[in-house]
Amino acid sequence: MTKVDGGLVNHQLAADYVVSFPDTGNIIVELKGKEIRHACEQILATAKLLERCGAPRRAVGALIVCTRVPSTDSTTSRLKNEFLKKHGTRLHIKSGNLEHDALKLIGK
């Protein structure tokens, strides 16, 4: 697990963590209160950062963990669709303290 925002990068748009599974892929994780649009932008920015840094081409999954999941609006839907189109997997938005299957988040 790598801390991105406040770790690898400072003062730029980025998600909180990238969890790497060497034989499978990466999961970009953003911990958020309720600002889902901003979290989506941070996830997309981190995916671009991984590409620019020359990270090995692997499957990428995304998880936003928030205190509450708001109703889906057009901006959130557009960002989810953009992530799906670019990375071939869904952007997951969940609330609460739950366990997640990494392979399902990556889309395997």
PDB file of N, CA and C in Angstrom:
ATOM      1  N   MET A   1       0.863  -1.166   0.000  1.00  0.00           N
ATOM      2  CA  MET A   1       0.000   0.000   0.000  1.00  0.00           C
ATOM      3  C   MET A   1       0.912   1.231   0.000  1.00  0.00           C
ATOM      4  N   THR A   2       0.592   2.179  -0.872  1.00  0.00           N
ATOM      5  CA  THR A   2       1.381   3.397  -1.001  1.00  0.00           C
ATOM      6  C   THR A   2       0.497   4.599  -0.727  1.00  0.00           C
ATOM      7  N   LYS A   3       0.945   5.478   0.159  1.00  0.00           N
ATOM      8  CA  LYS A   3       0.230   6.726   0.403  1.00  0.00           C
ATOM      9  C   LYS A   3       0.597   7.677  -0.730  1.00  0.00           C
ATOM     10  N   VAL A   4      -0.410   8.138  -1.447  1.00  0.00           N
ATOM     11  CA  VAL A   4      -0.171   9.005  -2.599  1.00  0.00           C
ATOM     12  C   VAL A   4      -0.318  10.466  -2.179  1.00  0.00           C
ATOM     13  N   ASP A   5      -1.528  10.878  -1.797  1.00  0.00           N
ATOM     14  CA  ASP A   5      -1.777  12.266  -1.395  1.00  0.00           C
ATOM     15  C   ASP A   5      -1.114  12.514  -0.044  1.00  0.00           C
ATOM     16  N   GLY A   6      -0.141  13.416  -0.043  1.00  0.00           N
ATOM     17  CA  GLY A   6       0.601  13.681   1.192  1.00  0.00           C
ATOM     18  C   GLY A   6       1.749  12.713   1.404  1.00  0.00           C
ATOM     19  N   GLY A   7       1.994  11.851   0.422  1.00  0.00           N
ATOM     20  CA  GLY A   7       3.097  10.896   0.483  1.00  0.00           C
ATOM     21  C   GLY A   7       3.953  11.044  -0.760  1.00  0.00           C
ATOM     22  N   LEU A   8       3.538  10.387  -1.841  1.00  0.00           N
ATOM     23  CA  LEU A   8       4.267  10.505  -3.105  1.00  0.00           C
ATOM     24  C   LEU A   8       4.160  11.895  -3.712  1.00  0.00           C
ATOM     25  N   VAL A   9       3.001  12.504  -3.553  1.00  0.00           N
ATOM     26  CA  VAL A   9       2.795  13.845  -4.112  1.00  0.00           C
ATOM     27  C   VAL A   9       2.189  14.762  -3.057  1.00  0.00           C
ATOM     28  N   ASN A  10       2.500  16.040  -3.193  1.00  0.00           N
ATOM     29  CA  ASN A  10       1.939  17.064  -2.316  1.00  0.00           C
ATOM     30  C   ASN A  10       1.439  18.209  -3.176  1.00  0.00           C
ATOM     31  N   HIS A  11       0.393  18.856  -2.718  1.00  0.00           N
ATOM     32  CA  HIS A  11      -0.123  20.055  -3.373  1.00  0.00           C
ATOM     33  C   HIS A  11      -0.580  19.812  -4.805  1.00  0.00           C
ATOM     34  N   GLN A  12      -1.109  18.622  -5.061  1.00  0.00           N
ATOM     35  CA  GLN A  12      -1.749  18.362  -6.342  1.00  0.00           C
ATOM     36  C   GLN A  12      -2.868  17.351  -6.130  1.00  0.00           C
ATOM     37  N   LEU A  13      -3.757  17.281  -7.082  1.00  0.00           N
ATOM     38  CA  LEU A  13      -4.915  16.412  -6.984  1.00  0.00           C
ATOM     39  C   LEU A  13      -4.484  14.952  -7.024  1.00  0.00           C
ATOM     40  N   ALA A  14      -4.832  14.183  -5.992  1.00  0.00           N
ATOM     41  CA  ALA A  14      -4.474  12.763  -5.930  1.00  0.00           C
ATOM     42  C   ALA A  14      -5.341  12.064  -4.893  1.00  0.00           C
ATOM     43  N   ALA A  15      -5.506  10.759  -5.078  1.00  0.00           N
ATOM     44  CA  ALA A  15      -6.238   9.936  -4.119  1.00  0.00           C
ATOM     45  C   ALA A  15      -5.337   9.634  -2.919  1.00  0.00           C
ATOM     46  N   ASP A  16      -5.931   9.088  -1.883  1.00  0.00           N
ATOM     47  CA  ASP A  16      -5.182   8.813  -0.659  1.00  0.00           C
ATOM     48  C   ASP A  16      -4.169   7.678  -0.805  1.00  0.00           C
ATOM     49  N   TYR A  17      -4.589   6.558  -1.396  1.00  0.00           N
ATOM     50  CA  TYR A  17      -3.732   5.375  -1.445  1.00  0.00           C
ATOM     51  C   TYR A  17      -3.828   4.642  -2.780  1.00  0.00           C
ATOM     52  N   VAL A  18      -2.782   3.880  -3.082  1.00  0.00           N
ATOM     53  CA  VAL A  18      -2.819   2.876  -4.135  1.00  0.00           C
ATOM     54  C   VAL A  18      -2.396   1.568  -3.479  1.00  0.00           C
ATOM     55  N   VAL A  19      -3.257   0.575  -3.585  1.00  0.00           N
ATOM     56  CA  VAL A  19      -2.958  -0.755  -3.062  1.00  0.00           C
ATOM     57  C   VAL A  19      -2.577  -1.612  -4.262  1.00  0.00           C
ATOM     58  N   SER A  20      -1.352  -2.145  -4.243  1.00  0.00           N
ATOM     59  CA  SER A  20      -0.838  -2.900  -5.387  1.00  0.00           C
ATOM     60  C   SER A  20      -0.835  -4.396  -5.106  1.00  0.00           C
ATOM     61  N   PHE A  21      -1.271  -5.140  -6.099  1.00  0.00           N
ATOM     62  CA  PHE A  21      -1.227  -6.595  -6.088  1.00  0.00           C
ATOM     63  C   PHE A  21      -0.383  -6.979  -7.298  1.00  0.00           C
ATOM     64  N   PRO A  22       0.909  -7.318  -7.089  1.00  0.00           N
ATOM     65  CA  PRO A  22       1.862  -7.467  -8.193  1.00  0.00           C
ATOM     66  C   PRO A  22       1.401  -8.336  -9.357  1.00  0.00           C
ATOM     67  N   ASP A  23       0.694  -9.406  -9.105  1.00  0.00           N
ATOM     68  CA  ASP A  23       0.283 -10.291 -10.189  1.00  0.00           C
ATOM     69  C   ASP A  23      -1.105  -9.962 -10.736  1.00  0.00           C
ATOM     70  N   THR A  24      -1.765  -8.965 -10.149  1.00  0.00           N
ATOM     71  CA  THR A  24      -3.152  -8.702 -10.502  1.00  0.00           C
ATOM     72  C   THR A  24      -3.410  -7.280 -10.968  1.00  0.00           C
ATOM     73  N   GLY A  25      -3.092  -6.302 -10.150  1.00  0.00           N
ATOM     74  CA  GLY A  25      -3.367  -4.917 -10.507  1.00  0.00           C
ATOM     75  C   GLY A  25      -3.289  -3.990  -9.324  1.00  0.00           C
ATOM     76  N   ASN A  26      -3.806  -2.791  -9.509  1.00  0.00           N
ATOM     77  CA  ASN A  26      -3.799  -1.756  -8.477  1.00  0.00           C
ATOM     78  C   ASN A  26      -5.219  -1.315  -8.162  1.00  0.00           C
ATOM     79  N   ILE A  27      -5.437  -0.970  -6.909  1.00  0.00           N
ATOM     80  CA  ILE A  27      -6.705  -0.369  -6.501  1.00  0.00           C
ATOM     81  C   ILE A  27      -6.391   1.015  -5.965  1.00  0.00           C
ATOM     82  N   ILE A  28      -7.018   2.016  -6.560  1.00  0.00           N
ATOM     83  CA  ILE A  28      -6.866   3.390  -6.097  1.00  0.00           C
ATOM     84  C   ILE A  28      -7.969   3.632  -5.076  1.00  0.00           C
ATOM     85  N   VAL A  29      -7.583   4.099  -3.885  1.00  0.00           N
ATOM     86  CA  VAL A  29      -8.534   4.263  -2.785  1.00  0.00           C
ATOM     87  C   VAL A  29      -8.565   5.722  -2.340  1.00  0.00           C
ATOM     88  N   GLU A  30      -9.769   6.258  -2.229  1.00  0.00           N
ATOM     89  CA  GLU A  30      -9.964   7.606  -1.698  1.00  0.00           C
ATOM     90  C   GLU A  30     -10.930   7.526  -0.526  1.00  0.00           C
ATOM     91  N   LEU A  31     -10.526   8.055   0.610  1.00  0.00           N
ATOM     92  CA  LEU A  31     -11.366   8.120   1.807  1.00  0.00           C
ATOM     93  C   LEU A  31     -11.967   9.516   1.845  1.00  0.00           C
ATOM     94  N   LYS A  32     -13.288   9.588   1.903  1.00  0.00           N
ATOM     95  CA  LYS A  32     -13.957  10.865   1.747  1.00  0.00           C
ATOM     96  C   LYS A  32     -15.128  10.971   2.691  1.00  0.00           C
ATOM     97  N   GLY A  33     -15.480  12.172   3.042  1.00  0.00           N
ATOM     98  CA  GLY A  33     -16.690  12.402   3.825  1.00  0.00           C
ATOM     99  C   GLY A  33     -17.906  12.231   2.944  1.00  0.00           C
ATOM    100  N   LYS A  34     -18.209  13.256   2.154  1.00  0.00           N
ATOM    101  CA  LYS A  34     -19.368  13.164   1.269  1.00  0.00           C
ATOM    102  C   LYS A  34     -19.162  13.850  -0.077  1.00  0.00           C
ATOM    103  N   GLU A  35     -17.994  14.397  -0.316  1.00  0.00           N
ATOM    104  CA  GLU A  35     -17.727  15.105  -1.572  1.00  0.00           C
ATOM    105  C   GLU A  35     -17.318  14.110  -2.655  1.00  0.00           C
ATOM    106  N   ILE A  36     -18.300  13.388  -3.182  1.00  0.00           N
ATOM    107  CA  ILE A  36     -18.046  12.304  -4.132  1.00  0.00           C
ATOM    108  C   ILE A  36     -17.456  12.823  -5.446  1.00  0.00           C
ATOM    109  N   ARG A  37     -17.937  13.949  -5.921  1.00  0.00           N
ATOM    110  CA  ARG A  37     -17.390  14.487  -7.179  1.00  0.00           C
ATOM    111  C   ARG A  37     -15.894  14.745  -7.068  1.00  0.00           C
ATOM    112  N   HIS A  38     -15.489  15.347  -5.979  1.00  0.00           N
ATOM    113  CA  HIS A  38     -14.062  15.624  -5.772  1.00  0.00           C
ATOM    114  C   HIS A  38     -13.277  14.317  -5.651  1.00  0.00           C
ATOM    115  N   ALA A  39     -13.849  13.333  -4.974  1.00  0.00           N
ATOM    116  CA  ALA A  39     -13.193  12.032  -4.833  1.00  0.00           C
ATOM    117  C   ALA A  39     -13.005  11.366  -6.199  1.00  0.00           C
ATOM    118  N   CYS A  40     -14.012  11.455  -7.066  1.00  0.00           N
ATOM    119  CA  CYS A  40     -13.902  10.895  -8.424  1.00  0.00           C
ATOM    120  C   CYS A  40     -12.769  11.565  -9.187  1.00  0.00           C
ATOM    121  N   GLU A  41     -12.672  12.873  -9.059  1.00  0.00           N
ATOM    122  CA  GLU A  41     -11.600  13.610  -9.730  1.00  0.00           C
ATOM    123  C   GLU A  41     -10.231  13.187  -9.196  1.00  0.00           C
ATOM    124  N   GLN A  42     -10.140  12.942  -7.884  1.00  0.00           N
ATOM    125  CA  GLN A  42      -8.875  12.502  -7.291  1.00  0.00           C
ATOM    126  C   GLN A  42      -8.489  11.109  -7.797  1.00  0.00           C
ATOM    127  N   ILE A  43      -9.472  10.231  -7.923  1.00  0.00           N
ATOM    128  CA  ILE A  43      -9.223   8.875  -8.433  1.00  0.00           C
ATOM    129  C   ILE A  43      -8.704   8.952  -9.872  1.00  0.00           C
ATOM    130  N   LEU A  44      -9.379   9.726 -10.722  1.00  0.00           N
ATOM    131  CA  LEU A  44      -8.962   9.852 -12.116  1.00  0.00           C
ATOM    132  C   LEU A  44      -7.572  10.478 -12.225  1.00  0.00           C
ATOM    133  N   ALA A  45      -7.288  11.476 -11.398  1.00  0.00           N
ATOM    134  CA  ALA A  45      -5.972  12.108 -11.417  1.00  0.00           C
ATOM    135  C   ALA A  45      -4.878  11.117 -11.007  1.00  0.00           C
ATOM    136  N   THR A  46      -5.177  10.266 -10.055  1.00  0.00           N
ATOM    137  CA  THR A  46      -4.191   9.277  -9.605  1.00  0.00           C
ATOM    138  C   THR A  46      -3.964   8.216 -10.671  1.00  0.00           C
ATOM    139  N   ALA A  47      -5.011   7.815 -11.375  1.00  0.00           N
ATOM    140  CA  ALA A  47      -4.845   6.855 -12.472  1.00  0.00           C
ATOM    141  C   ALA A  47      -3.929   7.453 -13.544  1.00  0.00           C
ATOM    142  N   LYS A  48      -4.113   8.725 -13.851  1.00  0.00           N
ATOM    143  CA  LYS A  48      -3.242   9.403 -14.823  1.00  0.00           C
ATOM    144  C   LYS A  48      -1.818   9.505 -14.299  1.00  0.00           C
ATOM    145  N   LEU A  49      -1.671   9.766 -13.005  1.00  0.00           N
ATOM    146  CA  LEU A  49      -0.351   9.851 -12.384  1.00  0.00           C
ATOM    147  C   LEU A  49       0.393   8.518 -12.510  1.00  0.00           C
ATOM    148  N   LEU A  50      -0.312   7.414 -12.285  1.00  0.00           N
ATOM    149  CA  LEU A  50       0.311   6.090 -12.431  1.00  0.00           C
ATOM    150  C   LEU A  50       0.826   5.898 -13.853  1.00  0.00           C
ATOM    151  N   GLU A  51       0.043   6.328 -14.829  1.00  0.00           N
ATOM    152  CA  GLU A  51       0.461   6.212 -16.237  1.00  0.00           C
ATOM    153  C   GLU A  51       1.695   7.072 -16.518  1.00  0.00           C
ATOM    154  N   ARG A  52       1.673   8.322 -16.059  1.00  0.00           N
ATOM    155  CA  ARG A  52       2.785   9.241 -16.304  1.00  0.00           C
ATOM    156  C   ARG A  52       4.073   8.786 -15.624  1.00  0.00           C
ATOM    157  N   CYS A  53       3.948   8.133 -14.475  1.00  0.00           N
ATOM    158  CA  CYS A  53       5.135   7.685 -13.725  1.00  0.00           C
ATOM    159  C   CYS A  53       5.712   6.393 -14.283  1.00  0.00           C
ATOM    160  N   GLY A  54       5.070   5.841 -15.298  1.00  0.00           N
ATOM    161  CA  GLY A  54       5.585   4.625 -15.908  1.00  0.00           C
ATOM    162  C   GLY A  54       5.291   3.369 -15.108  1.00  0.00           C
ATOM    163  N   ALA A  55       4.251   3.403 -14.300  1.00  0.00           N
ATOM    164  CA  ALA A  55       3.860   2.198 -13.549  1.00  0.00           C
ATOM    165  C   ALA A  55       3.528   1.091 -14.545  1.00  0.00           C
ATOM    166  N   PRO A  56       3.851  -0.150 -14.208  1.00  0.00           N
ATOM    167  CA  PRO A  56       3.536  -1.252 -15.121  1.00  0.00           C
ATOM    168  C   PRO A  56       2.053  -1.262 -15.480  1.00  0.00           C
ATOM    169  N   ARG A  57       1.745  -1.566 -16.732  1.00  0.00           N
ATOM    170  CA  ARG A  57       0.347  -1.615 -17.184  1.00  0.00           C
ATOM    171  C   ARG A  57      -0.325  -2.814 -16.538  1.00  0.00           C
ATOM    172  N   ARG A  58      -1.189  -2.532 -15.603  1.00  0.00           N
ATOM    173  CA  ARG A  58      -1.966  -3.565 -14.914  1.00  0.00           C
ATOM    174  C   ARG A  58      -3.412  -3.112 -14.852  1.00  0.00           C
ATOM    175  N   ALA A  59      -4.246  -4.041 -14.486  1.00  0.00           N
ATOM    176  CA  ALA A  59      -5.645  -3.689 -14.261  1.00  0.00           C
ATOM    177  C   ALA A  59      -5.715  -2.675 -13.117  1.00  0.00           C
ATOM    178  N   VAL A  60      -6.652  -1.755 -13.208  1.00  0.00           N
ATOM    179  CA  VAL A  60      -6.823  -0.729 -12.181  1.00  0.00           C
ATOM    180  C   VAL A  60      -8.265  -0.764 -11.702  1.00  0.00           C
ATOM    181  N   GLY A  61      -8.431  -0.794 -10.399  1.00  0.00           N
ATOM    182  CA  GLY A  61      -9.746  -0.684  -9.799  1.00  0.00           C
ATOM    183  C   GLY A  61      -9.789   0.585  -8.972  1.00  0.00           C
ATOM    184  N   ALA A  62     -10.979   1.022  -8.598  1.00  0.00           N
ATOM    185  CA  ALA A  62     -11.104   2.250  -7.819  1.00  0.00           C
ATOM    186  C   ALA A  62     -12.181   2.101  -6.769  1.00  0.00           C
ATOM    187  N   LEU A  63     -11.883   2.596  -5.579  1.00  0.00           N
ATOM    188  CA  LEU A  63     -12.815   2.519  -4.462  1.00  0.00           C
ATOM    189  C   LEU A  63     -12.835   3.846  -3.730  1.00  0.00           C
ATOM    190  N   ILE A  64     -14.018   4.417  -3.622  1.00  0.00           N
ATOM    191  CA  ILE A  64     -14.223   5.594  -2.785  1.00  0.00           C
ATOM    192  C   ILE A  64     -14.995   5.122  -1.567  1.00  0.00           C
ATOM    193  N   VAL A  65     -14.434   5.348  -0.398  1.00  0.00           N
ATOM    194  CA  VAL A  65     -15.097   5.002   0.860  1.00  0.00           C
ATOM    195  C   VAL A  65     -15.518   6.321   1.494  1.00  0.00           C
ATOM    196  N   CYS A  66     -16.814   6.475   1.709  1.00  0.00           N
ATOM    197  CA  CYS A  66     -17.324   7.742   2.222  1.00  0.00           C
ATOM    198  C   CYS A  66     -18.257   7.500   3.408  1.00  0.00           C
ATOM    199  N   THR A  67     -18.578   8.579   4.105  1.00  0.00           N
ATOM    200  CA  THR A  67     -19.459   8.449   5.259  1.00  0.00           C
ATOM    201  C   THR A  67     -20.899   8.175   4.840  1.00  0.00           C
ATOM    202  N   ARG A  68     -21.260   8.668   3.679  1.00  0.00           N
ATOM    203  CA  ARG A  68     -22.592   8.347   3.143  1.00  0.00           C
ATOM    204  C   ARG A  68     -22.525   8.426   1.623  1.00  0.00           C
ATOM    205  N   VAL A  69     -23.288   7.593   0.955  1.00  0.00           N
ATOM    206  CA  VAL A  69     -23.325   7.592  -0.502  1.00  0.00           C
ATOM    207  C   VAL A  69     -24.503   8.443  -0.948  1.00  0.00           C
ATOM    208  N   PRO A  70     -24.245   9.571  -1.587  1.00  0.00           N
ATOM    209  CA  PRO A  70     -25.356  10.408  -2.058  1.00  0.00           C
ATOM    210  C   PRO A  70     -26.003   9.790  -3.282  1.00  0.00           C
ATOM    211  N   SER A  71     -27.151  10.297  -3.619  1.00  0.00           N
ATOM    212  CA  SER A  71     -27.788   9.820  -4.847  1.00  0.00           C
ATOM    213  C   SER A  71     -26.879  10.168  -6.019  1.00  0.00           C
ATOM    214  N   THR A  72     -26.887   9.319  -7.018  1.00  0.00           N
ATOM    215  CA  THR A  72     -26.019   9.525  -8.171  1.00  0.00           C
ATOM    216  C   THR A  72     -26.524  10.712  -8.983  1.00  0.00           C
ATOM    217  N   ASP A  73     -25.622  11.648  -9.274  1.00  0.00           N
ATOM    218  CA  ASP A  73     -25.985  12.768 -10.127  1.00  0.00           C
ATOM    219  C   ASP A  73     -25.270  12.614 -11.468  1.00  0.00           C
ATOM    220  N   SER A  74     -25.530  13.520 -12.392  1.00  0.00           N
ATOM    221  CA  SER A  74     -24.973  13.378 -13.741  1.00  0.00           C
ATOM    222  C   SER A  74     -23.449  13.470 -13.746  1.00  0.00           C
ATOM    223  N   THR A  75     -22.870  14.286 -12.883  1.00  0.00           N
ATOM    224  CA  THR A  75     -21.412  14.415 -12.841  1.00  0.00           C
ATOM    225  C   THR A  75     -20.772  13.118 -12.362  1.00  0.00           C
ATOM    226  N   THR A  76     -21.306  12.539 -11.299  1.00  0.00           N
ATOM    227  CA  THR A  76     -20.777  11.283 -10.776  1.00  0.00           C
ATOM    228  C   THR A  76     -20.921  10.179 -11.812  1.00  0.00           C
ATOM    229  N   SER A  77     -22.056  10.124 -12.481  1.00  0.00           N
ATOM    230  CA  SER A  77     -22.275   9.120 -13.526  1.00  0.00           C
ATOM    231  C   SER A  77     -21.281   9.285 -14.661  1.00  0.00           C
ATOM    232  N   ARG A  78     -21.048  10.529 -15.079  1.00  0.00           N
ATOM    233  CA  ARG A  78     -20.095  10.799 -16.150  1.00  0.00           C
ATOM    234  C   ARG A  78     -18.691  10.355 -15.744  1.00  0.00           C
ATOM    235  N   LEU A  79     -18.287  10.661 -14.508  1.00  0.00           N
ATOM    236  CA  LEU A  79     -16.956  10.278 -14.040  1.00  0.00           C
ATOM    237  C   LEU A  79     -16.815   8.760 -13.930  1.00  0.00           C
ATOM    238  N   LYS A  80     -17.872   8.093 -13.469  1.00  0.00           N
ATOM    239  CA  LYS A  80     -17.852   6.627 -13.409  1.00  0.00           C
ATOM    240  C   LYS A  80     -17.716   6.038 -14.810  1.00  0.00           C
ATOM    241  N   ASN A  81     -18.470   6.584 -15.750  1.00  0.00           N
ATOM    242  CA  ASN A  81     -18.398   6.104 -17.136  1.00  0.00           C
ATOM    243  C   ASN A  81     -17.030   6.358 -17.748  1.00  0.00           C
ATOM    244  N   GLU A  82     -16.446   7.506 -17.443  1.00  0.00           N
ATOM    245  CA  GLU A  82     -15.116   7.835 -17.942  1.00  0.00           C
ATOM    246  C   GLU A  82     -14.083   6.830 -17.419  1.00  0.00           C
ATOM    247  N   PHE A  83     -14.195   6.500 -16.130  1.00  0.00           N
ATOM    248  CA  PHE A  83     -13.258   5.536 -15.544  1.00  0.00           C
ATOM    249  C   PHE A  83     -13.448   4.156 -16.177  1.00  0.00           C
ATOM    250  N   LEU A  84     -14.682   3.755 -16.363  1.00  0.00           N
ATOM    251  CA  LEU A  84     -14.978   2.459 -16.985  1.00  0.00           C
ATOM    252  C   LEU A  84     -14.415   2.393 -18.401  1.00  0.00           C
ATOM    253  N   LYS A  85     -14.628   3.440 -19.162  1.00  0.00           N
ATOM    254  CA  LYS A  85     -14.151   3.478 -20.549  1.00  0.00           C
ATOM    255  C   LYS A  85     -12.625   3.421 -20.606  1.00  0.00           C
ATOM    256  N   LYS A  86     -11.965   4.171 -19.748  1.00  0.00           N
ATOM    257  CA  LYS A  86     -10.507   4.270 -19.784  1.00  0.00           C
ATOM    258  C   LYS A  86      -9.819   3.043 -19.194  1.00  0.00           C
ATOM    259  N   HIS A  87     -10.388   2.480 -18.119  1.00  0.00           N
ATOM    260  CA  HIS A  87      -9.702   1.422 -17.378  1.00  0.00           C
ATOM    261  C   HIS A  87     -10.393   0.062 -17.438  1.00  0.00           C
ATOM    262  N   GLY A  88     -11.576   0.009 -18.033  1.00  0.00           N
ATOM    263  CA  GLY A  88     -12.253  -1.266 -18.206  1.00  0.00           C
ATOM    264  C   GLY A  88     -12.811  -1.875 -16.938  1.00  0.00           C
ATOM    265  N   THR A  89     -12.972  -1.066 -15.914  1.00  0.00           N
ATOM    266  CA  THR A  89     -13.556  -1.550 -14.669  1.00  0.00           C
ATOM    267  C   THR A  89     -14.342  -0.429 -14.008  1.00  0.00           C
ATOM    268  N   ARG A  90     -15.196  -0.798 -13.078  1.00  0.00           N
ATOM    269  CA  ARG A  90     -16.071   0.179 -12.433  1.00  0.00           C
ATOM    270  C   ARG A  90     -15.367   0.938 -11.330  1.00  0.00           C
ATOM    271  N   LEU A  91     -15.825   2.138 -11.122  1.00  0.00           N
ATOM    272  CA  LEU A  91     -15.457   2.942  -9.968  1.00  0.00           C
ATOM    273  C   LEU A  91     -16.483   2.611  -8.896  1.00  0.00           C
ATOM    274  N   HIS A  92     -16.042   2.095  -7.771  1.00  0.00           N
ATOM    275  CA  HIS A  92     -16.952   1.681  -6.695  1.00  0.00           C
ATOM    276  C   HIS A  92     -17.039   2.780  -5.645  1.00  0.00           C
ATOM    277  N   ILE A  93     -18.266   3.086  -5.226  1.00  0.00           N
ATOM    278  CA  ILE A  93     -18.498   4.068  -4.167  1.00  0.00           C
ATOM    279  C   ILE A  93     -19.265   3.357  -3.068  1.00  0.00           C
ATOM    280  N   LYS A  94     -18.649   3.271  -1.893  1.00  0.00           N
ATOM    281  CA  LYS A  94     -19.239   2.534  -0.774  1.00  0.00           C
ATOM    282  C   LYS A  94     -19.190   3.378   0.487  1.00  0.00           C
ATOM    283  N   SER A  95     -20.098   3.116   1.395  1.00  0.00           N
ATOM    284  CA  SER A  95     -20.054   3.789   2.695  1.00  0.00           C
ATOM    285  C   SER A  95     -19.925   2.737   3.784  1.00  0.00           C
ATOM    286  N   GLY A  96     -19.404   3.169   4.895  1.00  0.00           N
ATOM    287  CA  GLY A  96     -19.269   2.271   6.039  1.00  0.00           C
ATOM    288  C   GLY A  96     -17.969   1.499   6.026  1.00  0.00           C
ATOM    289  N   ASN A  97     -17.776   0.737   7.072  1.00  0.00           N
ATOM    290  CA  ASN A  97     -16.568  -0.046   7.271  1.00  0.00           C
ATOM    291  C   ASN A  97     -16.840  -1.466   6.795  1.00  0.00           C
ATOM    292  N   LEU A  98     -16.563  -1.724   5.527  1.00  0.00           N
ATOM    293  CA  LEU A  98     -16.866  -3.010   4.927  1.00  0.00           C
ATOM    294  C   LEU A  98     -15.595  -3.676   4.425  1.00  0.00           C
ATOM    295  N   GLU A  99     -15.640  -4.983   4.282  1.00  0.00           N
ATOM    296  CA  GLU A  99     -14.544  -5.696   3.632  1.00  0.00           C
ATOM    297  C   GLU A  99     -14.871  -5.798   2.152  1.00  0.00           C
ATOM    298  N   HIS A 100     -13.832  -5.719   1.320  1.00  0.00           N
ATOM    299  CA  HIS A 100     -14.019  -5.764  -0.124  1.00  0.00           C
ATOM    300  C   HIS A 100     -13.116  -6.827  -0.726  1.00  0.00           C
ATOM    301  N   ASP A 101     -13.600  -7.481  -1.751  1.00  0.00           N
ATOM    302  CA  ASP A 101     -12.817  -8.460  -2.488  1.00  0.00           C
ATOM    303  C   ASP A 101     -12.000  -7.713  -3.535  1.00  0.00           C
ATOM    304  N   ALA A 102     -10.675  -7.707  -3.361  1.00  0.00           N
ATOM    305  CA  ALA A 102      -9.788  -6.936  -4.239  1.00  0.00           C
ATOM    306  C   ALA A 102      -9.951  -7.340  -5.704  1.00  0.00           C
ATOM    307  N   LEU A 103     -10.074  -8.621  -5.973  1.00  0.00           N
ATOM    308  CA  LEU A 103     -10.197  -9.064  -7.364  1.00  0.00           C
ATOM    309  C   LEU A 103     -11.469  -8.516  -8.011  1.00  0.00           C
ATOM    310  N   LYS A 104     -12.555  -8.431  -7.251  1.00  0.00           N
ATOM    311  CA  LYS A 104     -13.792  -7.882  -7.799  1.00  0.00           C
ATOM    312  C   LYS A 104     -13.658  -6.386  -8.056  1.00  0.00           C
ATOM    313  N   LEU A 105     -12.929  -5.695  -7.179  1.00  0.00           N
ATOM    314  CA  LEU A 105     -12.731  -4.253  -7.376  1.00  0.00           C
ATOM    315  C   LEU A 105     -11.894  -3.977  -8.618  1.00  0.00           C
ATOM    316  N   ILE A 106     -10.938  -4.873  -8.896  1.00  0.00           N
ATOM    317  CA  ILE A 106     -10.089  -4.712 -10.072  1.00  0.00           C
ATOM    318  C   ILE A 106     -10.822  -5.187 -11.328  1.00  0.00           C
ATOM    319  N   GLY A 107     -11.820  -6.015 -11.141  1.00  0.00           N
ATOM    320  CA  GLY A 107     -12.595  -6.502 -12.278  1.00  0.00           C
ATOM    321  C   GLY A 107     -12.132  -7.861 -12.780  1.00  0.00           C
ATOM    322  N   LYS A 108     -11.515  -8.629 -11.917  1.00  0.00           N
ATOM    323  CA  LYS A 108     -11.014  -9.954 -12.288  1.00  0.00           C
ATOM    324  C   LYS A 108     -11.953 -11.030 -11.801  1.00  0.00           C
TER     325      LYS A 108
END
